[in-house]
């Protein structure tokens, strides 16, 4: 994986993780992030909770995968 691709995956993964965690924490306080409000309206509270958890998990996987060195493997 090139360094540019790794950097892009790392940034996207970090933002997914960050916004997923913020959405989970704020939803526990009965608040919402304005631009992510459509998820709750579309999927309901339970579905939005699962989507936010998946955002956190996918974000972590992307960050870990971006930091790996796969150049020597075939």
Foldseek 3Di string as FASTA:
>chain_A
DDLVVLVVLLVQLVVLQVQLVVQLVVVVVVDHDVVCVVQCVVQNPVRSNVVSVVSNVSSVVSNVVSPDDCVPPD
